[in-house]
Amino acid sequence: MEPAEANSWKQRIKELAYQSGFSAIGFTSGAHLEGLKEYLEERIGLGYQLSFEDKDLQKRVDPKATWPLCETVVALAYPLPLSVKPREGEGVLARSAVGEDYHRLVRKALDSLISSITTAGWPGQGPLIQVDTGPLNERAFAKRAGLGWIGKNQQLIIPGVGSFVVLALILLDQALPSDEPMESRCGECTRCVQACPAQILGQARFQASRCISYLTQSKECLSESQQSSIGNRIFGCDTCQEACPHNRNRLDMEEELENAGEGIVDTRGVDLWDTQHLTKSQFMRQWKNSAAGWRGKGILQRNAHLALQNLNMIKR
């Protein structure tokens, strides 16, 4: 593909991505991520690997290990829906677990985008897509594609958008111009470090297995201190992101819409008693199509029980 045509396609794909509902897009080459494999190997050596991480490290860092024809990786961010905060005595869902499963929402947007690219006459083979469950490290590729920077809270922060987004990747078999990576804009701010309930941010090595979000999804036996640290969280944890100044605009929007009493259909609140006593049919109806349902009924029931204990609504 000639340079002029490549630039034209890059601009066209950007326009189509925004039309499909994405809030940010960046481009990088299909080359492997330098240094990431060694970093991941170090984490494994320290015992920091999470139970549901892909064990094939090469596939996590090299697009060509998944698709040898890959020449360009397109990184995209899809905004999570606005939602109402829980009422007193309710359990809390992270924003990524509210409403319809974000995997489905983003795949719909990706399907729309791929269809538009194909209709526009894309000269290559059909692109490959990935949303969260694929092998490639989406956050690292998004950083290299200039989408944003990795904040002190380990989240990808996008200028003017924040971090309450879902990341997705598109692999293309044609070389398009890459975007430049972005320098961190966290500066001296340590609000997320101070707010983290597990106090694991700002360390030399980030131990994700101690993150409250991970604990709410883990099927491992939790210690008493871990059980207490979950608080009334049912799935996920947004605390470090809520403390981030780059998410202030979004939080203000949620507060304004909530005060107006209109415009929001989703809530982050969960009835703890109902969740603790979920039947199989109730789980299938209420949770199966949500991002919080993927770990099964038992995890939600356990977390609801712990939340009731932590709120002193039942005895330990």
C-alpha atoms as a PDB file:
ATOM      1  CA  MET A   1       0.000   0.000   0.000  1.00  0.00           C
ATOM      2  CA  GLU A   2       1.383   3.406  -1.009  1.00  0.00           C
ATOM      3  CA  PRO A   3       1.931   6.018   1.761  1.00  0.00           C
ATOM      4  CA  ALA A   4      -0.855   8.293   0.537  1.00  0.00           C
ATOM      5  CA  GLU A   5      -3.326   5.408   0.442  1.00  0.00           C
ATOM      6  CA  ALA A   6      -2.195   4.208   3.887  1.00  0.00           C
ATOM      7  CA  ASN A   7      -2.747   7.661   5.386  1.00  0.00           C
ATOM      8  CA  SER A   8      -6.144   7.881   3.736  1.00  0.00           C
ATOM      9  CA  TRP A   9      -7.188   4.514   5.172  1.00  0.00           C
ATOM     10  CA  LYS A  10      -5.967   5.475   8.616  1.00  0.00           C
ATOM     11  CA  GLN A  11      -8.102   8.611   8.592  1.00  0.00           C
ATOM     12  CA  ARG A  12     -11.090   6.721   7.201  1.00  0.00           C
ATOM     13  CA  ILE A  13     -10.879   4.023   9.890  1.00  0.00           C
ATOM     14  CA  LYS A  14     -10.693   6.729  12.572  1.00  0.00           C
ATOM     15  CA  GLU A  15     -13.856   8.369  11.279  1.00  0.00           C
ATOM     16  CA  LEU A  16     -15.690   5.045  11.088  1.00  0.00           C
ATOM     17  CA  ALA A  17     -14.556   4.122  14.622  1.00  0.00           C
ATOM     18  CA  TYR A  18     -16.049   7.258  16.113  1.00  0.00           C
ATOM     19  CA  GLN A  19     -19.241   6.654  14.155  1.00  0.00           C
ATOM     20  CA  SER A  20     -19.398   3.159  15.666  1.00  0.00           C
ATOM     21  CA  GLY A  21     -19.318   4.562  19.195  1.00  0.00           C
ATOM     22  CA  PHE A  22     -15.634   4.372  20.137  1.00  0.00           C
ATOM     23  CA  SER A  23     -14.224   7.295  22.101  1.00  0.00           C
ATOM     24  CA  ALA A  24     -10.554   6.941  21.144  1.00  0.00           C
ATOM     25  CA  ILE A  25      -8.433   5.151  18.555  1.00  0.00           C
ATOM     26  CA  GLY A  26      -4.723   4.714  17.892  1.00  0.00           C
ATOM     27  CA  PHE A  27      -2.463   2.797  15.505  1.00  0.00           C
ATOM     28  CA  THR A  28       0.764   0.869  16.038  1.00  0.00           C
ATOM     29  CA  SER A  29       2.773  -1.693  14.104  1.00  0.00           C
ATOM     30  CA  GLY A  30       2.279  -5.436  14.243  1.00  0.00           C
ATOM     31  CA  ALA A  31       5.728  -5.875  15.817  1.00  0.00           C
ATOM     32  CA  HIS A  32       6.052  -7.530  19.215  1.00  0.00           C
ATOM     33  CA  LEU A  33       6.133  -5.432  22.381  1.00  0.00           C
ATOM     34  CA  GLU A  34       9.764  -5.108  23.423  1.00  0.00           C
ATOM     35  CA  GLY A  35      10.486  -5.837  27.060  1.00  0.00           C
ATOM     36  CA  LEU A  36       6.990  -7.027  27.950  1.00  0.00           C
ATOM     37  CA  LYS A  37       7.765 -10.755  27.751  1.00  0.00           C
ATOM     38  CA  GLU A  38      10.685 -10.332  30.137  1.00  0.00           C
ATOM     39  CA  TYR A  39       8.485  -8.325  32.511  1.00  0.00           C
ATOM     40  CA  LEU A  40       5.802 -11.017  32.436  1.00  0.00           C
ATOM     41  CA  GLU A  41       8.417 -13.715  33.070  1.00  0.00           C
ATOM     42  CA  GLU A  42       9.608 -11.750  36.088  1.00  0.00           C
ATOM     43  CA  ARG A  43       6.037 -11.531  37.421  1.00  0.00           C
ATOM     44  CA  ILE A  44       5.635 -15.285  37.033  1.00  0.00           C
ATOM     45  CA  GLY A  45       8.892 -15.811  38.917  1.00  0.00           C
ATOM     46  CA  LEU A  46       7.556 -13.682  41.766  1.00  0.00           C
ATOM     47  CA  GLY A  47       4.294 -15.632  41.800  1.00  0.00           C
ATOM     48  CA  TYR A  48       2.260 -12.638  40.596  1.00  0.00           C
ATOM     49  CA  GLN A  49       0.562 -14.267  37.595  1.00  0.00           C
ATOM     50  CA  LEU A  50      -3.241 -14.299  37.826  1.00  0.00           C
ATOM     51  CA  SER A  51      -5.192 -17.515  37.460  1.00  0.00           C
ATOM     52  CA  PHE A  52      -7.012 -16.454  34.301  1.00  0.00           C
ATOM     53  CA  GLU A  53      -4.046 -14.952  32.419  1.00  0.00           C
ATOM     54  CA  ASP A  54      -2.965 -16.665  29.194  1.00  0.00           C
ATOM     55  CA  LYS A  55       0.060 -18.863  29.855  1.00  0.00           C
ATOM     56  CA  ASP A  56       1.518 -18.458  26.323  1.00  0.00           C
ATOM     57  CA  LEU A  57       3.634 -15.332  26.813  1.00  0.00           C
ATOM     58  CA  GLN A  58       4.600 -15.031  23.149  1.00  0.00           C
ATOM     59  CA  LYS A  59       0.952 -14.680  22.150  1.00  0.00           C
ATOM     60  CA  ARG A  60       0.507 -11.941  24.746  1.00  0.00           C
ATOM     61  CA  VAL A  61       3.257  -9.775  23.298  1.00  0.00           C
ATOM     62  CA  ASP A  62       3.418 -10.644  19.573  1.00  0.00           C
ATOM     63  CA  PRO A  63       0.448 -10.173  17.197  1.00  0.00           C
ATOM     64  CA  LYS A  64       2.166 -12.326  14.591  1.00  0.00           C
ATOM     65  CA  ALA A  65       2.091 -15.275  16.993  1.00  0.00           C
ATOM     66  CA  THR A  66      -1.700 -15.118  16.654  1.00  0.00           C
ATOM     67  CA  TRP A  67      -1.859 -13.996  13.033  1.00  0.00           C
ATOM     68  CA  PRO A  68       1.386 -14.088  10.995  1.00  0.00           C
ATOM     69  CA  LEU A  69      -0.071 -11.643   8.446  1.00  0.00           C
ATOM     70  CA  CYS A  70      -0.582  -8.873  11.005  1.00  0.00           C
ATOM     71  CA  GLU A  71       1.067  -5.585  10.012  1.00  0.00           C
ATOM     72  CA  THR A  72      -0.950  -3.073  12.054  1.00  0.00           C
ATOM     73  CA  VAL A  73      -2.651  -3.154  15.449  1.00  0.00           C
ATOM     74  CA  VAL A  74      -5.524  -0.733  15.929  1.00  0.00           C
ATOM     75  CA  ALA A  75      -6.273   0.024  19.592  1.00  0.00           C
ATOM     76  CA  LEU A  76      -9.716   1.338  20.485  1.00  0.00           C
ATOM     77  CA  ALA A  77     -11.522   2.498  23.624  1.00  0.00           C
ATOM     78  CA  TYR A  78     -15.259   2.097  24.161  1.00  0.00           C
ATOM     79  CA  PRO A  79     -16.921   4.103  26.958  1.00  0.00           C
ATOM     80  CA  LEU A  80     -18.621   2.305  29.815  1.00  0.00           C
ATOM     81  CA  PRO A  81     -22.241   3.416  30.396  1.00  0.00           C
ATOM     82  CA  LEU A  82     -23.093   6.062  32.985  1.00  0.00           C
ATOM     83  CA  SER A  83     -24.684   4.598  36.098  1.00  0.00           C
ATOM     84  CA  VAL A  84     -26.313   5.459  39.423  1.00  0.00           C
ATOM     85  CA  LYS A  85     -24.419   4.936  42.675  1.00  0.00           C
ATOM     86  CA  PRO A  86     -25.745   2.316  45.142  1.00  0.00           C
ATOM     87  CA  ARG A  87     -28.155   3.138  47.919  1.00  0.00           C
ATOM     88  CA  GLU A  88     -27.251   2.620  51.556  1.00  0.00           C
ATOM     89  CA  GLY A  89     -27.079  -1.066  52.443  1.00  0.00           C
ATOM     90  CA  GLU A  90     -26.631  -2.259  48.861  1.00  0.00           C
ATOM     91  CA  GLY A  91     -23.705  -4.098  47.362  1.00  0.00           C
ATOM     92  CA  VAL A  92     -21.517  -2.341  44.803  1.00  0.00           C
ATOM     93  CA  LEU A  93     -20.734  -3.283  41.214  1.00  0.00           C
ATOM     94  CA  ALA A  94     -17.821  -1.806  39.321  1.00  0.00           C
ATOM     95  CA  ARG A  95     -18.904   0.179  36.277  1.00  0.00           C
ATOM     96  CA  SER A  96     -17.536  -2.543  33.996  1.00  0.00           C
ATOM     97  CA  ALA A  97     -20.062  -4.982  35.499  1.00  0.00           C
ATOM     98  CA  VAL A  98     -23.143  -2.766  35.111  1.00  0.00           C
ATOM     99  CA  GLY A  99     -25.789  -3.538  32.486  1.00  0.00           C
ATOM    100  CA  GLU A 100     -25.223  -5.738  29.464  1.00  0.00           C
ATOM    101  CA  ASP A 101     -21.921  -7.592  29.274  1.00  0.00           C
ATOM    102  CA  TYR A 102     -19.397  -5.129  27.850  1.00  0.00           C
ATOM    103  CA  HIS A 103     -17.873  -7.907  25.739  1.00  0.00           C
ATOM    104  CA  ARG A 104     -21.119  -8.067  23.764  1.00  0.00           C
ATOM    105  CA  LEU A 105     -21.494  -4.302  23.518  1.00  0.00           C
ATOM    106  CA  VAL A 106     -17.970  -3.791  22.231  1.00  0.00           C
ATOM    107  CA  ARG A 107     -18.174  -6.731  19.828  1.00  0.00           C
ATOM    108  CA  LYS A 108     -21.328  -5.188  18.345  1.00  0.00           C
ATOM    109  CA  ALA A 109     -19.447  -1.918  17.870  1.00  0.00           C
ATOM    110  CA  LEU A 110     -16.483  -3.786  16.375  1.00  0.00           C
ATOM    111  CA  ASP A 111     -18.745  -5.735  14.013  1.00  0.00           C
ATOM    112  CA  SER A 112     -20.282  -2.444  12.897  1.00  0.00           C
ATOM    113  CA  LEU A 113     -16.827  -0.938  12.369  1.00  0.00           C
ATOM    114  CA  ILE A 114     -15.471  -3.959  10.465  1.00  0.00           C
ATOM    115  CA  SER A 115     -18.586  -3.976   8.275  1.00  0.00           C
ATOM    116  CA  SER A 116     -18.063  -0.280   7.488  1.00  0.00           C
ATOM    117  CA  ILE A 117     -14.376  -0.831   6.710  1.00  0.00           C
ATOM    118  CA  THR A 118     -15.229  -3.713   4.391  1.00  0.00           C
ATOM    119  CA  THR A 119     -17.968  -1.715   2.671  1.00  0.00           C
ATOM    120  CA  ALA A 120     -15.490   1.123   2.175  1.00  0.00           C
ATOM    121  CA  GLY A 121     -13.341  -1.262   0.112  1.00  0.00           C
ATOM    122  CA  TRP A 122     -10.628  -2.406   2.510  1.00  0.00           C
ATOM    123  CA  PRO A 123      -7.926  -3.954   0.264  1.00  0.00           C
ATOM    124  CA  GLY A 124      -6.691  -6.556   2.728  1.00  0.00           C
ATOM    125  CA  GLN A 125      -8.092  -9.695   4.287  1.00  0.00           C
ATOM    126  CA  GLY A 126     -10.836  -9.558   6.890  1.00  0.00           C
ATOM    127  CA  PRO A 127      -9.448  -8.031  10.119  1.00  0.00           C
ATOM    128  CA  LEU A 128      -9.180  -9.980  13.381  1.00  0.00           C
ATOM    129  CA  ILE A 129     -10.667  -8.536  16.570  1.00  0.00           C
ATOM    130  CA  GLN A 130     -10.063  -8.942  20.307  1.00  0.00           C
ATOM    131  CA  VAL A 131     -12.041  -7.735  23.333  1.00  0.00           C
ATOM    132  CA  ASP A 132     -10.538  -8.489  26.738  1.00  0.00           C
ATOM    133  CA  THR A 133     -10.483 -12.290  26.496  1.00  0.00           C
ATOM    134  CA  GLY A 134      -7.886 -12.588  23.703  1.00  0.00           C
ATOM    135  CA  PRO A 135      -4.206 -13.296  24.337  1.00  0.00           C
ATOM    136  CA  LEU A 136      -2.689  -9.914  23.413  1.00  0.00           C
ATOM    137  CA  ASN A 137      -2.014  -7.401  26.189  1.00  0.00           C
ATOM    138  CA  GLU A 138      -4.496  -4.720  25.156  1.00  0.00           C
ATOM    139  CA  ARG A 139      -3.328  -2.090  27.628  1.00  0.00           C
ATOM    140  CA  ALA A 140       0.275  -2.303  26.459  1.00  0.00           C
ATOM    141  CA  PHE A 141      -0.654  -2.107  22.774  1.00  0.00           C
ATOM    142  CA  ALA A 142      -3.022   0.794  23.470  1.00  0.00           C
ATOM    143  CA  LYS A 143      -0.181   2.628  25.191  1.00  0.00           C
ATOM    144  CA  ARG A 144       2.182   2.047  22.240  1.00  0.00           C
ATOM    145  CA  ALA A 145      -0.570   3.179  19.863  1.00  0.00           C
ATOM    146  CA  GLY A 146      -0.698   6.553  21.621  1.00  0.00           C
ATOM    147  CA  LEU A 147      -4.189   6.078  23.057  1.00  0.00           C
ATOM    148  CA  GLY A 148      -3.064   7.209  26.497  1.00  0.00           C
ATOM    149  CA  TRP A 149      -0.612   6.419  29.286  1.00  0.00           C
ATOM    150  CA  ILE A 150      -0.523   3.826  32.060  1.00  0.00           C
ATOM    151  CA  GLY A 151      -1.350   5.704  35.243  1.00  0.00           C
ATOM    152  CA  LYS A 152      -0.122   5.030  38.747  1.00  0.00           C
ATOM    153  CA  ASN A 153      -3.355   3.078  39.230  1.00  0.00           C
ATOM    154  CA  GLN A 154      -2.261   0.686  36.426  1.00  0.00           C
ATOM    155  CA  GLN A 155      -5.152   1.855  34.226  1.00  0.00           C
ATOM    156  CA  LEU A 156      -4.837   3.276  30.714  1.00  0.00           C
ATOM    157  CA  ILE A 157      -5.782   6.957  31.037  1.00  0.00           C
ATOM    158  CA  ILE A 158      -6.980   8.689  27.871  1.00  0.00           C
ATOM    159  CA  PRO A 159      -6.797  12.503  27.672  1.00  0.00           C
ATOM    160  CA  GLY A 160     -10.270  14.035  27.809  1.00  0.00           C
ATOM    161  CA  VAL A 161     -11.849  10.590  28.283  1.00  0.00           C
ATOM    162  CA  GLY A 162     -10.352   9.098  31.440  1.00  0.00           C
ATOM    163  CA  SER A 163     -10.084   5.395  32.208  1.00  0.00           C
ATOM    164  CA  PHE A 164     -13.676   4.135  32.418  1.00  0.00           C
ATOM    165  CA  VAL A 165     -13.431   2.447  29.040  1.00  0.00           C
ATOM    166  CA  VAL A 166     -13.162  -1.024  27.537  1.00  0.00           C
ATOM    167  CA  LEU A 167     -10.141  -1.635  25.333  1.00  0.00           C
ATOM    168  CA  ALA A 168     -10.298  -3.579  22.080  1.00  0.00           C
ATOM    169  CA  LEU A 169      -7.849  -4.448  19.311  1.00  0.00           C
ATOM    170  CA  ILE A 170      -8.161  -4.896  15.565  1.00  0.00           C
ATOM    171  CA  LEU A 171      -5.408  -6.681  13.633  1.00  0.00           C
ATOM    172  CA  LEU A 172      -4.884  -5.603  10.018  1.00  0.00           C
ATOM    173  CA  ASP A 173      -2.785  -7.226   7.303  1.00  0.00           C
ATOM    174  CA  GLN A 174      -1.810  -3.864   5.769  1.00  0.00           C
ATOM    175  CA  ALA A 175       0.767  -1.446   7.187  1.00  0.00           C
ATOM    176  CA  LEU A 176      -0.737   1.882   8.287  1.00  0.00           C
ATOM    177  CA  PRO A 177       1.169   4.790   9.893  1.00  0.00           C
ATOM    178  CA  SER A 178       1.754   4.391  13.633  1.00  0.00           C
ATOM    179  CA  ASP A 179       0.890   6.969  16.288  1.00  0.00           C
ATOM    180  CA  GLU A 180       3.445   8.114  18.848  1.00  0.00           C
ATOM    181  CA  PRO A 181       3.240   6.849  22.441  1.00  0.00           C
ATOM    182  CA  MET A 182       2.199   9.406  25.043  1.00  0.00           C
ATOM    183  CA  GLU A 183       4.147  10.531  28.089  1.00  0.00           C
ATOM    184  CA  SER A 184       2.526  10.104  31.501  1.00  0.00           C
ATOM    185  CA  ARG A 185       0.501  13.075  32.732  1.00  0.00           C
ATOM    186  CA  CYS A 186       0.060  11.841  36.287  1.00  0.00           C
ATOM    187  CA  GLY A 187       2.764  14.198  37.515  1.00  0.00           C
ATOM    188  CA  GLU A 188       3.104  14.301  41.298  1.00  0.00           C
ATOM    189  CA  CYS A 189      -0.508  13.229  41.869  1.00  0.00           C
ATOM    190  CA  THR A 190      -0.875  10.244  44.209  1.00  0.00           C
ATOM    191  CA  ARG A 191      -4.622  10.288  44.860  1.00  0.00           C
ATOM    192  CA  CYS A 192      -5.115   6.755  43.518  1.00  0.00           C
ATOM    193  CA  VAL A 193      -2.181   5.476  45.575  1.00  0.00           C
ATOM    194  CA  GLN A 194      -3.686   6.889  48.747  1.00  0.00           C
ATOM    195  CA  ALA A 195      -7.234   5.740  47.910  1.00  0.00           C
ATOM    196  CA  CYS A 196      -6.412   2.110  47.028  1.00  0.00           C
ATOM    197  CA  PRO A 197      -8.128  -0.079  49.657  1.00  0.00           C
ATOM    198  CA  ALA A 198      -5.476  -2.792  49.254  1.00  0.00           C
ATOM    199  CA  GLN A 199      -2.603  -0.276  49.408  1.00  0.00           C
ATOM    200  CA  ILE A 200      -0.745  -1.941  46.539  1.00  0.00           C
ATOM    201  CA  LEU A 201      -0.265   1.043  44.214  1.00  0.00           C
ATOM    202  CA  GLY A 202       2.954   3.015  44.077  1.00  0.00           C
ATOM    203  CA  GLN A 203       5.037  -0.095  44.816  1.00  0.00           C
ATOM    204  CA  ALA A 204       8.080  -1.181  42.827  1.00  0.00           C
ATOM    205  CA  ARG A 205       6.126  -4.237  41.600  1.00  0.00           C
ATOM    206  CA  PHE A 206       2.364  -4.214  41.174  1.00  0.00           C
ATOM    207  CA  GLN A 207       0.886  -7.385  42.685  1.00  0.00           C
ATOM    208  CA  ALA A 208      -2.459  -7.726  40.907  1.00  0.00           C
ATOM    209  CA  SER A 209      -3.435 -10.789  42.927  1.00  0.00           C
ATOM    210  CA  ARG A 210      -3.907  -8.487  45.940  1.00  0.00           C
ATOM    211  CA  CYS A 211      -6.133  -6.053  44.022  1.00  0.00           C
ATOM    212  CA  ILE A 212      -9.679  -5.921  45.453  1.00  0.00           C
ATOM    213  CA  SER A 213     -11.125  -6.259  41.959  1.00  0.00           C
ATOM    214  CA  TYR A 214      -9.255  -9.538  41.524  1.00  0.00           C
ATOM    215  CA  LEU A 215     -10.296 -10.790  44.954  1.00  0.00           C
ATOM    216  CA  THR A 216     -13.977 -10.308  44.102  1.00  0.00           C
ATOM    217  CA  GLN A 217     -13.460 -12.580  41.089  1.00  0.00           C
ATOM    218  CA  SER A 218     -11.084 -15.112  42.628  1.00  0.00           C
ATOM    219  CA  LYS A 219     -12.290 -18.615  43.440  1.00  0.00           C
ATOM    220  CA  GLU A 220      -9.414 -19.099  45.855  1.00  0.00           C
ATOM    221  CA  CYS A 221     -10.006 -19.209  49.603  1.00  0.00           C
ATOM    222  CA  LEU A 222      -9.788 -15.633  50.951  1.00  0.00           C
ATOM    223  CA  SER A 223      -8.106 -14.796  54.226  1.00  0.00           C
ATOM    224  CA  GLU A 224     -10.025 -12.912  56.925  1.00  0.00           C
ATOM    225  CA  SER A 225      -8.260  -9.670  56.059  1.00  0.00           C
ATOM    226  CA  GLN A 226      -9.088 -10.138  52.358  1.00  0.00           C
ATOM    227  CA  GLN A 227     -12.711 -10.864  53.207  1.00  0.00           C
ATOM    228  CA  SER A 228     -12.880  -7.625  55.179  1.00  0.00           C
ATOM    229  CA  SER A 229     -11.088  -5.622  52.492  1.00  0.00           C
ATOM    230  CA  ILE A 230     -13.796  -6.446  49.950  1.00  0.00           C
ATOM    231  CA  GLY A 231     -16.220  -4.303  51.947  1.00  0.00           C
ATOM    232  CA  ASN A 232     -19.596  -4.315  50.209  1.00  0.00           C
ATOM    233  CA  ARG A 233     -18.184  -4.858  46.726  1.00  0.00           C
ATOM    234  CA  ILE A 234     -19.925  -7.579  44.732  1.00  0.00           C
ATOM    235  CA  PHE A 235     -17.785  -7.502  41.602  1.00  0.00           C
ATOM    236  CA  GLY A 236     -14.798  -5.343  40.758  1.00  0.00           C
ATOM    237  CA  CYS A 237     -13.475  -2.167  42.363  1.00  0.00           C
ATOM    238  CA  ASP A 238     -13.483   1.385  40.973  1.00  0.00           C
ATOM    239  CA  THR A 239     -11.901   3.161  43.954  1.00  0.00           C
ATOM    240  CA  CYS A 240      -8.578   4.081  42.351  1.00  0.00           C
ATOM    241  CA  GLN A 241     -10.315   5.297  39.202  1.00  0.00           C
ATOM    242  CA  GLU A 242     -12.845   7.348  41.142  1.00  0.00           C
ATOM    243  CA  ALA A 243      -9.945   9.100  42.865  1.00  0.00           C
ATOM    244  CA  CYS A 244      -8.283   9.984  39.544  1.00  0.00           C
ATOM    245  CA  PRO A 245      -8.675  13.647  38.461  1.00  0.00           C
ATOM    246  CA  HIS A 246      -8.821  12.548  34.822  1.00  0.00           C
ATOM    247  CA  ASN A 247     -12.184  10.885  35.552  1.00  0.00           C
ATOM    248  CA  ARG A 248     -13.650  13.973  37.226  1.00  0.00           C
ATOM    249  CA  ASN A 249     -15.723  15.014  34.208  1.00  0.00           C
ATOM    250  CA  ARG A 250     -17.362  11.606  34.001  1.00  0.00           C
ATOM    251  CA  LEU A 251     -18.129  11.483  37.719  1.00  0.00           C
ATOM    252  CA  ASP A 252     -19.646  14.966  37.508  1.00  0.00           C
ATOM    253  CA  MET A 253     -21.845  13.839  34.621  1.00  0.00           C
ATOM    254  CA  GLU A 254     -23.106  10.870  36.625  1.00  0.00           C
ATOM    255  CA  GLU A 255     -23.854  13.081  39.607  1.00  0.00           C
ATOM    256  CA  GLU A 256     -25.677  15.667  37.512  1.00  0.00           C
ATOM    257  CA  LEU A 257     -27.803  13.065  35.766  1.00  0.00           C
ATOM    258  CA  GLU A 258     -28.576  11.352  39.056  1.00  0.00           C
ATOM    259  CA  ASN A 259     -29.667  14.636  40.641  1.00  0.00           C
ATOM    260  CA  ALA A 260     -31.859  15.298  37.618  1.00  0.00           C
ATOM    261  CA  GLY A 261     -33.448  11.878  38.092  1.00  0.00           C
ATOM    262  CA  GLU A 262     -33.333  11.046  34.427  1.00  0.00           C
ATOM    263  CA  GLY A 263     -31.092   9.776  31.684  1.00  0.00           C
ATOM    264  CA  ILE A 264     -29.613   6.820  33.568  1.00  0.00           C
ATOM    265  CA  VAL A 265     -31.105   3.344  33.441  1.00  0.00           C
ATOM    266  CA  ASP A 266     -28.279   1.419  35.113  1.00  0.00           C
ATOM    267  CA  THR A 267     -27.387   1.248  38.798  1.00  0.00           C
ATOM    268  CA  ARG A 268     -24.246   0.022  40.523  1.00  0.00           C
ATOM    269  CA  GLY A 269     -26.340  -1.063  43.504  1.00  0.00           C
ATOM    270  CA  VAL A 270     -27.139  -4.721  44.225  1.00  0.00           C
ATOM    271  CA  ASP A 271     -29.638  -6.182  46.697  1.00  0.00           C
ATOM    272  CA  LEU A 272     -27.407  -8.210  49.003  1.00  0.00           C
ATOM    273  CA  TRP A 273     -30.094 -10.484  50.454  1.00  0.00           C
ATOM    274  CA  ASP A 274     -31.445 -11.422  47.034  1.00  0.00           C
ATOM    275  CA  THR A 275     -27.938 -12.045  45.715  1.00  0.00           C
ATOM    276  CA  GLN A 276     -26.949 -14.217  48.663  1.00  0.00           C
ATOM    277  CA  HIS A 277     -29.989 -16.448  48.040  1.00  0.00           C
ATOM    278  CA  LEU A 278     -29.817 -16.576  44.236  1.00  0.00           C
ATOM    279  CA  THR A 279     -31.449 -19.575  42.606  1.00  0.00           C
ATOM    280  CA  LYS A 280     -30.088 -20.970  39.361  1.00  0.00           C
ATOM    281  CA  SER A 281     -33.004 -19.528  37.371  1.00  0.00           C
ATOM    282  CA  GLN A 282     -32.577 -16.107  38.990  1.00  0.00           C
ATOM    283  CA  PHE A 283     -28.878 -16.151  38.202  1.00  0.00           C
ATOM    284  CA  MET A 284     -29.527 -17.012  34.571  1.00  0.00           C
ATOM    285  CA  ARG A 285     -32.105 -14.243  34.286  1.00  0.00           C
ATOM    286  CA  GLN A 286     -30.327 -11.475  36.205  1.00  0.00           C
ATOM    287  CA  TRP A 287     -26.621 -12.137  35.802  1.00  0.00           C
ATOM    288  CA  LYS A 288     -25.806 -14.485  32.944  1.00  0.00           C
ATOM    289  CA  ASN A 289     -25.731 -11.683  30.365  1.00  0.00           C
ATOM    290  CA  SER A 290     -23.632  -9.354  32.509  1.00  0.00           C
ATOM    291  CA  ALA A 291     -19.855  -9.130  32.831  1.00  0.00           C
ATOM    292  CA  ALA A 292     -20.243 -10.111  36.491  1.00  0.00           C
ATOM    293  CA  GLY A 293     -21.814 -13.435  35.568  1.00  0.00           C
ATOM    294  CA  TRP A 294     -18.758 -15.051  33.999  1.00  0.00           C
ATOM    295  CA  ARG A 295     -17.375 -16.381  37.303  1.00  0.00           C
ATOM    296  CA  GLY A 296     -20.637 -18.052  38.215  1.00  0.00           C
ATOM    297  CA  LYS A 297     -23.369 -17.862  40.836  1.00  0.00           C
ATOM    298  CA  GLY A 298     -21.224 -19.035  43.732  1.00  0.00           C
ATOM    299  CA  ILE A 299     -18.797 -16.092  43.563  1.00  0.00           C
ATOM    300  CA  LEU A 300     -21.639 -13.552  43.633  1.00  0.00           C
ATOM    301  CA  GLN A 301     -23.272 -15.323  46.571  1.00  0.00           C
ATOM    302  CA  ARG A 302     -19.981 -15.466  48.468  1.00  0.00           C
ATOM    303  CA  ASN A 303     -19.339 -11.767  47.935  1.00  0.00           C
ATOM    304  CA  ALA A 304     -22.894 -10.857  48.965  1.00  0.00           C
ATOM    305  CA  HIS A 305     -22.466 -12.880  52.147  1.00  0.00           C
ATOM    306  CA  LEU A 306     -19.158 -11.162  52.919  1.00  0.00           C
ATOM    307  CA  ALA A 307     -20.699  -7.758  52.210  1.00  0.00           C
ATOM    308  CA  LEU A 308     -23.531  -8.467  54.656  1.00  0.00           C
ATOM    309  CA  GLN A 309     -20.955  -9.411  57.260  1.00  0.00           C
ATOM    310  CA  ASN A 310     -18.822  -6.347  56.567  1.00  0.00           C
ATOM    311  CA  LEU A 311     -21.893  -4.106  56.872  1.00  0.00           C
ATOM    312  CA  ASN A 312     -22.740  -5.813  60.176  1.00  0.00           C
ATOM    313  CA  MET A 313     -26.068  -6.958  58.764  1.00  0.00           C
ATOM    314  CA  ILE A 314     -25.326 -10.575  59.710  1.00  0.00           C
ATOM    315  CA  LYS A 315     -22.940 -12.134  62.192  1.00  0.00           C
ATOM    316  CA  ARG A 316     -19.581 -13.523  61.131  1.00  0.00           C
END
